[in-house]
Amino acid sequence: MLQTIVEISLKILAAPLLIWQGLHVRKHALILPEPTGHRSGITVNHSNNAILRLLIVGDSAAAGVGENTQDTALLGQLVAGLSEHFTVEWNLIARAGATTAATTKLLRDTRAKPYDAVVVSLGVNDVTRQIPLQKWLNQTTIFLDLLTIKFAARRIYTVNLPPLGTFPVLPQPLRWIIGLRVKRFDAAMEKHQANRCEITRLSIDLKLDLTLLASDKYHPGPTLYALWAKKITKAILGDFLQDSDSKWQAD
């Protein structure tokens, strides 16, 4: 509650400056393109007939912004790790700048197809575009229900919001206020997802190591994508290779 009061008070007092800083950042930010490469396919594991149906969905980080090709982005590194254990049928549905509501609309317009594992990257654009917290939580519920009902998602893997309050590309005091907002939203989302048994929420700690970021000092770089993919791969293997009552039983 105190954090919310401080955040609101600072936004009111510094409103003209914050508006100017936000416009300045958007005008002068280094805009990186989405990487080239296929967004769907099948990577065959000739020693294992089990097929893992994988969907990566969300924003620019899900799309791999910061890398030149999908091979070194989240998609490519995740498929590379998982294909050592499964034949992976994969799809990427992601757009730079996407909010939770926009991604939900995109999925509603997408043909229904069942997935075993769904990897989600969303929230940063909701925070920076000033979507109210409760509205974001409600939109997330709709989004997650869509994944589990329309796309029959068996497991959903989410990740914590990045610590934007430490990113020097954002000027002060805008950086500090966004940092407060990120912490508040992230804590609320962690609590919001805690009671959904189909969700595994992962945590990645940058530890102020900004060398893990791309050239725009905002999106993930290859090492961070690799770390993220490694964590997701470990979680997926833990969920599916240990399931002795299904086709996922390991040899």
Protein backbone atom coordinates (compact mmCIF):
# COMPACT_ATOMS: atom_id res chain seq x y z
CA MET A 1 0.00 0.00 0.00
CA LEU A 2 2.80 2.44 0.94
CA GLN A 3 4.61 1.67 -2.31
CA THR A 4 1.43 2.44 -4.26
CA ILE A 5 0.93 5.75 -2.44
CA VAL A 6 4.55 6.78 -3.07
CA GLU A 7 4.29 5.85 -6.74
CA ILE A 8 1.04 7.77 -7.26
CA SER A 9 2.32 10.83 -5.37
CA LEU A 10 5.51 10.98 -7.41
CA LYS A 11 3.59 10.58 -10.68
CA ILE A 12 1.33 13.50 -9.78
CA LEU A 13 4.18 15.76 -8.66
CA ALA A 14 6.45 14.98 -11.60
CA ALA A 15 3.76 14.44 -14.27
CA PRO A 16 5.01 17.00 -16.84
CA LEU A 17 8.60 15.75 -16.58
CA LEU A 18 7.58 12.10 -16.75
CA ILE A 19 5.45 12.71 -19.85
CA TRP A 20 8.34 14.52 -21.54
CA GLN A 21 10.82 11.80 -20.60
CA GLY A 22 8.50 9.06 -21.85
CA LEU A 23 8.05 10.79 -25.22
CA HIS A 24 11.80 11.43 -25.46
CA VAL A 25 12.64 7.78 -24.79
CA ARG A 26 10.20 6.57 -27.43
CA LYS A 27 11.47 9.09 -29.99
CA HIS A 28 15.16 8.33 -29.51
CA ALA A 29 15.08 4.63 -28.60
CA LEU A 30 17.06 2.22 -30.75
CA ILE A 31 14.39 0.19 -32.55
CA LEU A 32 15.52 -3.35 -33.19
CA PRO A 33 13.67 -5.54 -35.72
CA GLU A 34 12.17 -8.91 -35.00
CA PRO A 35 14.61 -11.66 -36.03
CA THR A 36 14.31 -13.53 -39.27
CA GLY A 37 13.51 -17.22 -39.39
CA HIS A 38 10.61 -19.65 -39.42
CA ARG A 39 7.93 -19.31 -36.77
CA SER A 40 6.59 -22.83 -37.00
CA GLY A 41 8.01 -26.22 -37.77
CA ILE A 42 8.96 -29.68 -36.54
CA THR A 43 12.41 -30.62 -35.24
CA VAL A 44 12.77 -34.39 -35.29
CA ASN A 45 14.46 -36.50 -32.65
CA HIS A 46 15.12 -39.80 -34.42
CA SER A 47 15.65 -41.73 -31.17
CA ASN A 48 12.38 -40.69 -29.53
CA ASN A 49 8.95 -40.92 -31.11
CA ALA A 50 7.27 -38.75 -28.49
CA ILE A 51 6.14 -35.38 -29.86
CA LEU A 52 6.13 -32.28 -27.67
CA ARG A 53 3.77 -29.61 -28.99
CA LEU A 54 5.29 -26.23 -28.05
CA LEU A 55 3.89 -22.70 -28.32
CA ILE A 56 5.79 -19.52 -27.54
CA VAL A 57 3.49 -16.53 -27.27
CA GLY A 58 3.71 -12.88 -26.31
CA ASP A 59 5.69 -9.72 -26.85
CA SER A 60 9.02 -8.63 -28.36
CA ALA A 61 11.05 -10.86 -26.05
CA ALA A 62 9.00 -13.86 -27.12
CA ALA A 63 9.51 -12.75 -30.73
CA GLY A 64 13.28 -12.68 -30.14
CA VAL A 65 13.97 -8.97 -30.54
CA GLY A 66 17.64 -8.38 -29.85
CA GLU A 67 18.81 -11.26 -32.04
CA ASN A 68 19.27 -11.41 -35.81
CA THR A 69 17.74 -14.87 -36.29
CA GLN A 70 15.32 -17.09 -34.43
CA ASP A 71 18.09 -19.67 -34.05
CA THR A 72 19.76 -17.65 -31.27
CA ALA A 73 16.55 -16.15 -29.86
CA LEU A 74 14.32 -17.80 -27.27
CA LEU A 75 12.54 -19.99 -29.82
CA GLY A 76 15.67 -21.44 -31.39
CA GLN A 77 17.51 -22.06 -28.15
CA LEU A 78 14.47 -23.62 -26.52
CA VAL A 79 13.77 -25.93 -29.44
CA ALA A 80 17.45 -26.91 -29.58
CA GLY A 81 17.38 -27.97 -25.93
CA LEU A 82 14.06 -29.79 -26.04
CA SER A 83 14.78 -31.61 -29.30
CA GLU A 84 17.52 -33.53 -27.52
CA HIS A 85 14.70 -35.35 -25.73
CA PHE A 86 11.61 -35.06 -27.97
CA THR A 87 10.51 -34.46 -31.47
CA VAL A 88 9.30 -30.87 -31.11
CA GLU A 89 6.39 -29.43 -33.05
CA TRP A 90 6.71 -25.69 -32.46
CA ASN A 91 4.90 -22.44 -33.12
CA LEU A 92 5.71 -18.83 -32.32
CA ILE A 93 2.92 -16.25 -32.01
CA ALA A 94 4.46 -12.99 -30.85
CA ARG A 95 4.65 -9.33 -31.81
CA ALA A 96 6.85 -6.48 -30.62
CA GLY A 97 4.86 -4.07 -28.45
CA ALA A 98 2.12 -6.59 -27.68
CA THR A 99 0.08 -6.19 -24.53
CA THR A 100 -1.87 -8.95 -22.83
CA ALA A 101 -5.14 -7.76 -24.38
CA ALA A 102 -3.63 -7.52 -27.87
CA THR A 103 -2.16 -11.02 -27.58
CA THR A 104 -5.52 -12.38 -26.45
CA LYS A 105 -7.14 -10.89 -29.54
CA LEU A 106 -4.42 -12.40 -31.71
CA LEU A 107 -5.02 -15.84 -30.22
CA ARG A 108 -8.77 -15.52 -30.69
CA ASP A 109 -8.10 -15.03 -34.40
CA THR A 110 -5.76 -18.05 -34.48
CA ARG A 111 -6.94 -21.53 -35.39
CA ALA A 112 -7.38 -23.76 -32.34
CA LYS A 113 -4.67 -26.36 -31.84
CA PRO A 114 -3.66 -28.32 -28.71
CA TYR A 115 -0.29 -27.65 -27.06
CA ASP A 116 1.58 -29.54 -24.37
CA ALA A 117 3.78 -26.62 -23.26
CA VAL A 118 3.07 -22.91 -23.70
CA VAL A 119 5.80 -20.37 -22.94
CA VAL A 120 4.55 -16.85 -22.23
CA SER A 121 6.33 -13.49 -22.24
CA LEU A 122 3.94 -10.64 -21.44
CA GLY A 123 3.54 -7.73 -19.05
CA VAL A 124 6.23 -5.17 -19.83
CA ASN A 125 4.07 -3.31 -22.33
CA ASP A 126 1.11 -3.39 -19.95
CA VAL A 127 3.28 -1.73 -17.30
CA THR A 128 4.81 0.91 -19.57
CA ARG A 129 1.45 1.75 -21.17
CA GLN A 130 -0.09 2.42 -17.77
CA ILE A 131 -2.69 -0.37 -17.84
CA PRO A 132 -4.28 -0.36 -14.35
CA LEU A 133 -3.19 -3.30 -12.21
CA GLN A 134 -6.60 -4.89 -11.66
CA LYS A 135 -7.46 -4.52 -15.33
CA TRP A 136 -4.19 -6.28 -16.25
CA LEU A 137 -4.90 -9.12 -13.82
CA ASN A 138 -8.38 -9.54 -15.26
CA GLN A 139 -7.01 -9.53 -18.81
CA THR A 140 -4.43 -12.13 -17.79
CA THR A 141 -7.17 -14.40 -16.45
CA ILE A 142 -8.96 -14.20 -19.81
CA PHE A 143 -5.68 -14.87 -21.64
CA LEU A 144 -4.80 -17.91 -19.51
CA ASP A 145 -8.32 -19.32 -19.79
CA LEU A 146 -8.06 -19.01 -23.57
CA LEU A 147 -4.82 -21.00 -23.55
CA THR A 148 -6.27 -23.79 -21.40
CA ILE A 149 -9.67 -24.00 -23.13
CA LYS A 150 -9.14 -23.18 -26.81
CA PHE A 151 -5.57 -24.49 -27.05
CA ALA A 152 -5.82 -27.25 -24.43
CA ALA A 153 -2.51 -26.16 -22.88
CA ARG A 154 -1.27 -28.83 -20.47
CA ARG A 155 1.41 -26.64 -18.90
CA ILE A 156 2.00 -22.88 -19.09
CA TYR A 157 5.39 -21.32 -18.28
CA THR A 158 5.54 -17.66 -17.31
CA VAL A 159 8.43 -15.47 -16.16
CA ASN A 160 8.92 -12.52 -13.83
CA LEU A 161 8.95 -8.99 -15.21
CA PRO A 162 12.43 -7.59 -15.91
CA PRO A 163 13.80 -5.03 -13.41
CA LEU A 164 13.20 -1.95 -15.56
CA GLY A 165 14.11 0.22 -12.59
CA THR A 166 17.77 -0.72 -13.18
CA PHE A 167 17.86 -0.08 -16.95
CA PRO A 168 19.97 3.05 -17.62
CA VAL A 169 18.30 3.56 -20.99
CA LEU A 170 15.41 5.02 -18.96
CA PRO A 171 16.17 8.45 -17.46
CA GLN A 172 15.50 9.37 -13.85
CA PRO A 173 13.00 9.84 -12.28
CA LEU A 174 11.05 7.89 -14.94
CA ARG A 175 13.25 4.84 -14.35
CA TRP A 176 12.64 4.82 -10.61
CA ILE A 177 8.87 5.22 -10.92
CA ILE A 178 8.62 2.50 -13.57
CA GLY A 179 10.77 0.34 -11.32
CA LEU A 180 8.29 0.77 -8.47
CA ARG A 181 5.43 -0.07 -10.79
CA VAL A 182 7.18 -3.19 -12.11
CA LYS A 183 7.80 -4.49 -8.58
CA ARG A 184 4.17 -3.92 -7.60
CA PHE A 185 2.78 -5.52 -10.75
CA ASP A 186 5.16 -8.47 -10.60
CA ALA A 187 4.29 -9.26 -6.99
CA ALA A 188 0.58 -9.07 -7.78
CA MET A 189 0.96 -11.33 -10.81
CA GLU A 190 2.95 -13.91 -8.88
CA LYS A 191 0.13 -14.07 -6.32
CA HIS A 192 -2.47 -14.09 -9.09
CA GLN A 193 -0.94 -17.14 -10.79
CA ALA A 194 -0.06 -19.06 -7.62
CA ASN A 195 -3.38 -20.91 -7.44
CA ARG A 196 -3.42 -22.04 -11.07
CA CYS A 197 -2.04 -25.58 -11.07
CA GLU A 198 -1.24 -25.52 -14.79
CA ILE A 199 1.26 -22.65 -14.41
CA THR A 200 4.96 -22.81 -13.65
CA ARG A 201 6.29 -19.33 -12.92
CA LEU A 202 10.02 -18.94 -13.47
CA SER A 203 12.31 -16.26 -12.07
CA ILE A 204 15.32 -14.79 -13.86
CA ASP A 205 17.58 -12.47 -11.87
CA LEU A 206 19.67 -10.11 -14.00
CA LYS A 207 21.69 -9.07 -10.93
CA LEU A 208 22.26 -5.68 -12.58
CA ASP A 209 24.38 -7.39 -15.26
CA LEU A 210 23.39 -5.20 -18.17
CA THR A 211 25.84 -6.99 -20.47
CA LEU A 212 23.10 -9.63 -20.76
CA LEU A 213 20.97 -7.14 -22.71
CA ALA A 214 20.89 -6.46 -26.45
CA SER A 215 22.41 -3.40 -28.11
CA ASP A 216 19.35 -1.31 -27.26
CA LYS A 217 20.01 -2.00 -23.55
CA TYR A 218 16.40 -3.03 -23.15
CA HIS A 219 15.77 -6.42 -24.78
CA PRO A 220 17.52 -9.71 -23.96
CA GLY A 221 20.82 -10.57 -25.56
CA PRO A 222 21.90 -14.10 -26.60
CA THR A 223 23.25 -15.05 -23.17
CA LEU A 224 20.01 -14.03 -21.48
CA TYR A 225 17.93 -15.85 -24.07
CA ALA A 226 20.09 -18.92 -23.44
CA LEU A 227 19.60 -18.65 -19.67
CA TRP A 228 15.85 -18.24 -20.11
CA ALA A 229 15.64 -21.18 -22.52
CA LYS A 230 17.70 -23.36 -20.17
CA LYS A 231 15.34 -22.67 -17.27
CA ILE A 232 12.27 -23.40 -19.35
CA THR A 233 13.80 -26.57 -20.78
CA LYS A 234 14.60 -27.83 -17.29
CA ALA A 235 11.05 -27.12 -16.15
CA ILE A 236 9.47 -28.81 -19.18
CA LEU A 237 11.65 -31.90 -18.81
CA GLY A 238 10.74 -32.06 -15.13
CA ASP A 239 7.05 -31.96 -16.02
CA PHE A 240 6.98 -34.31 -18.99
CA LEU A 241 9.87 -36.76 -18.74
CA GLN A 242 8.81 -37.78 -15.23
CA ASP A 243 5.20 -38.50 -16.17
CA SER A 244 5.20 -42.31 -15.92
CA ASP A 245 1.55 -42.60 -16.87
CA SER A 246 1.86 -41.13 -20.36
CA LYS A 247 3.90 -41.17 -23.52
CA TRP A 248 6.45 -38.87 -21.84
CA GLN A 249 8.12 -41.67 -19.85
CA ALA A 250 11.89 -41.39 -20.36
CA ASP A 251 13.84 -44.39 -21.58
